[in-house]
Amino acid sequence: MTTYSTDRLWEEVVYVAYYLHWSHAEILDLDHATRATVIDGIGRIHQQLD
């Protein structure tokens, strides 16, 4: 199992919470791969809006 820093996890949680208004628990319930897919999707949408 690969782990990464607590700081990086918080960055992901804050990013998803800010854009999707999901709760801390909802975001942490996602596995890393799913959370990464959600973050990539948010980024693509954000780029299209710019």
Protein backbone atom coordinates (compact mmCIF):
# COMPACT_ATOMS: atom_id res chain seq x y z
CA MET A 1 0.00 0.00 0.00
CA THR A 2 1.31 3.42 -0.95
CA THR A 3 0.77 6.35 1.35
CA TYR A 4 1.37 10.05 0.97
CA SER A 5 1.65 12.98 3.30
CA THR A 6 -1.12 14.24 5.53
CA ASP A 7 -0.63 17.67 3.96
CA ARG A 8 -1.38 16.26 0.50
CA LEU A 9 -4.50 14.50 1.79
CA TRP A 10 -5.74 17.76 3.32
CA GLU A 11 -5.13 19.57 0.03
CA GLU A 12 -7.31 17.02 -1.74
CA VAL A 13 -10.04 17.19 0.91
CA VAL A 14 -10.14 20.99 0.84
CA TYR A 15 -10.15 21.09 -2.98
CA VAL A 16 -13.09 18.68 -3.31
CA ALA A 17 -14.99 20.26 -0.41
CA TYR A 18 -14.57 23.74 -1.91
CA TYR A 19 -15.80 22.83 -5.39
CA LEU A 20 -18.40 20.15 -4.63
CA HIS A 21 -19.42 21.09 -1.09
CA TRP A 22 -19.01 17.50 0.07
CA SER A 23 -18.42 16.78 3.75
CA HIS A 24 -15.09 15.72 5.20
CA ALA A 25 -16.48 12.24 5.83
CA GLU A 26 -17.83 11.85 2.28
CA ILE A 27 -14.46 12.77 0.80
CA LEU A 28 -12.48 10.51 3.11
CA ASP A 29 -14.82 7.62 2.30
CA LEU A 30 -13.52 7.71 -1.28
CA ASP A 31 -10.56 5.48 -2.07
CA HIS A 32 -7.50 7.27 -3.41
CA ALA A 33 -8.10 6.34 -7.05
CA THR A 34 -11.68 7.62 -6.98
CA ARG A 35 -10.68 10.79 -5.17
CA ALA A 36 -7.94 11.39 -7.77
CA THR A 37 -10.50 10.92 -10.58
CA VAL A 38 -12.86 13.43 -8.95
CA ILE A 39 -10.00 15.93 -8.55
CA ASP A 40 -8.98 15.50 -12.20
CA GLY A 41 -12.59 16.06 -13.27
CA ILE A 42 -12.86 19.24 -11.23
CA GLY A 43 -9.61 20.46 -12.76
CA ARG A 44 -10.83 19.82 -16.32
CA ILE A 45 -14.08 21.66 -15.69
CA HIS A 46 -12.21 24.54 -14.10
CA GLN A 47 -9.88 24.79 -17.14
CA GLN A 48 -12.84 24.84 -19.54
CA LEU A 49 -14.40 27.73 -17.62
CA ASP A 50 -11.23 29.82 -17.79
